[in-house]
C-alpha atoms as a PDB file:
ATOM      1  CA  MET A   1      -0.066  -0.181  -0.052  1.00  0.00           C
ATOM      2  CA  GLN A   2       1.436   3.387  -1.047  1.00  0.00           C
ATOM      3  CA  ARG A   3       1.040   6.365   1.289  1.00  0.00           C
ATOM      4  CA  ARG A   4      -0.492   9.490  -0.610  1.00  0.00           C
ATOM      5  CA  GLU A   5       1.620  12.732  -0.863  1.00  0.00           C
ATOM      6  CA  ASP A   6      -0.531  14.991   0.893  1.00  0.00           C
ATOM      7  CA  GLN A   7      -0.623  12.788   4.132  1.00  0.00           C
ATOM      8  CA  PRO A   8       1.699  13.743   6.764  1.00  0.00           C
ATOM      9  CA  ASP A   9       4.145  10.963   8.167  1.00  0.00           C
ATOM     10  CA  TYR A  10       3.909  10.973  12.008  1.00  0.00           C
ATOM     11  CA  GLN A  11       5.840   8.197  12.537  1.00  0.00           C
ATOM     12  CA  SER A  12       8.827   9.781  14.112  1.00  0.00           C
ATOM     13  CA  ALA A  13       6.790  12.093  16.311  1.00  0.00           C
ATOM     14  CA  LEU A  14       5.057   8.884  17.841  1.00  0.00           C
ATOM     15  CA  PHE A  15       8.377   7.137  18.651  1.00  0.00           C
ATOM     16  CA  ILE A  16       9.388  10.331  20.346  1.00  0.00           C
ATOM     17  CA  PHE A  17       6.287  10.337  22.471  1.00  0.00           C
ATOM     18  CA  LEU A  18       6.385   6.982  23.498  1.00  0.00           C
ATOM     19  CA  GLY A  19       9.928   7.213  24.446  1.00  0.00           C
ATOM     20  CA  VAL A  20       9.423  10.257  26.563  1.00  0.00           C
ATOM     21  CA  SER A  21       6.085   8.652  28.080  1.00  0.00           C
ATOM     22  CA  LEU A  22       8.403   5.478  28.799  1.00  0.00           C
ATOM     23  CA  ILE A  23      10.966   7.450  30.707  1.00  0.00           C
ATOM     24  CA  TRP A  24       8.329   8.988  32.804  1.00  0.00           C
ATOM     25  CA  LEU A  25       6.891   5.705  33.504  1.00  0.00           C
ATOM     26  CA  PHE A  26      10.393   4.327  34.631  1.00  0.00           C
ATOM     27  CA  LEU A  27      10.915   7.313  36.688  1.00  0.00           C
ATOM     28  CA  ILE A  28       7.451   7.069  38.678  1.00  0.00           C
ATOM     29  CA  VAL A  29       8.160   3.324  39.071  1.00  0.00           C
ATOM     30  CA  TRP A  30      11.477   3.901  40.401  1.00  0.00           C
ATOM     31  CA  GLY A  31      10.383   6.891  42.678  1.00  0.00           C
ATOM     32  CA  LEU A  32       7.624   4.798  44.137  1.00  0.00           C
ATOM     33  CA  PHE A  33       9.265   1.272  44.449  1.00  0.00           C
ATOM     34  CA  GLY A  34      12.952   1.389  43.922  1.00  0.00           C
ATOM     35  CA  MET A  35      15.050   0.336  40.843  1.00  0.00           C
ATOM     36  CA  GLY A  36      14.446  -3.369  40.971  1.00  0.00           C
ATOM     37  CA  PRO A  37      10.796  -3.180  39.890  1.00  0.00           C
ATOM     38  CA  VAL A  38      12.076  -1.050  36.892  1.00  0.00           C
ATOM     39  CA  LEU A  39      14.409  -3.168  35.639  1.00  0.00           C
ATOM     40  CA  VAL A  40      11.732  -6.345  35.611  1.00  0.00           C
ATOM     41  CA  LEU A  41       9.364  -3.935  33.806  1.00  0.00           C
ATOM     42  CA  ALA A  42      12.101  -3.043  31.454  1.00  0.00           C
ATOM     43  CA  VAL A  43      12.740  -6.548  30.643  1.00  0.00           C
ATOM     44  CA  VAL A  44       8.974  -7.702  30.514  1.00  0.00           C
ATOM     45  CA  LEU A  45       8.751  -4.817  27.908  1.00  0.00           C
ATOM     46  CA  ASN A  46      11.549  -5.943  26.019  1.00  0.00           C
ATOM     47  CA  HIS A  47       9.944  -9.616  25.675  1.00  0.00           C
ATOM     48  CA  LEU A  48       6.976  -8.134  24.687  1.00  0.00           C
ATOM     49  CA  ILE A  49       8.338  -5.835  21.840  1.00  0.00           C
ATOM     50  CA  THR A  50      10.570  -9.142  20.925  1.00  0.00           C
ATOM     51  CA  ARG A  51       7.261 -11.315  20.582  1.00  0.00           C
ATOM     52  CA  LEU A  52       5.629  -8.503  18.958  1.00  0.00           C
ATOM     53  CA  GLY A  53       8.064  -8.378  16.278  1.00  0.00           C
ATOM     54  CA  VAL A  54       8.195 -12.118  16.024  1.00  0.00           C
ATOM     55  CA  VAL A  55       4.252 -12.050  15.169  1.00  0.00           C
ATOM     56  CA  LEU A  56       4.128  -9.117  12.888  1.00  0.00           C
ATOM     57  CA  GLU A  57       7.359 -10.831  10.945  1.00  0.00           C
ATOM     58  CA  ASP A  58       4.992 -14.048  10.491  1.00  0.00           C
ATOM     59  CA  TYR A  59       1.753 -12.122   9.500  1.00  0.00           C
ATOM     60  CA  SER A  60       3.309 -10.030   6.715  1.00  0.00           C
ATOM     61  CA  VAL A  61       0.640  -8.144   4.658  1.00  0.00           C
ATOM     62  CA  THR A  62       0.895  -9.299   0.810  1.00  0.00           C
ATOM     63  CA  GLU A  63      -0.991  -8.404  -1.997  1.00  0.00           C
ATOM     64  CA  ASP A  64      -2.837 -11.735  -2.308  1.00  0.00           C
ATOM     65  CA  ARG A  65      -4.362 -11.132   0.920  1.00  0.00           C
ATOM     66  CA  PHE A  66      -6.840  -8.261  -0.247  1.00  0.00           C
END
């Protein structure tokens, strides 16, 4: 699927927003519970992102699915 020229690309803004939100989440958890839960949360998020990548790699959108 091609993107039209008149549509703006907000992907970089999305990643910046997610990164800033993740930093705030880590700071809040660190302030409330300490560094241990932040590390556990980071490992869990890393695992979920890796699993999402595997699932999306298996389910690639091709022209014959339309």
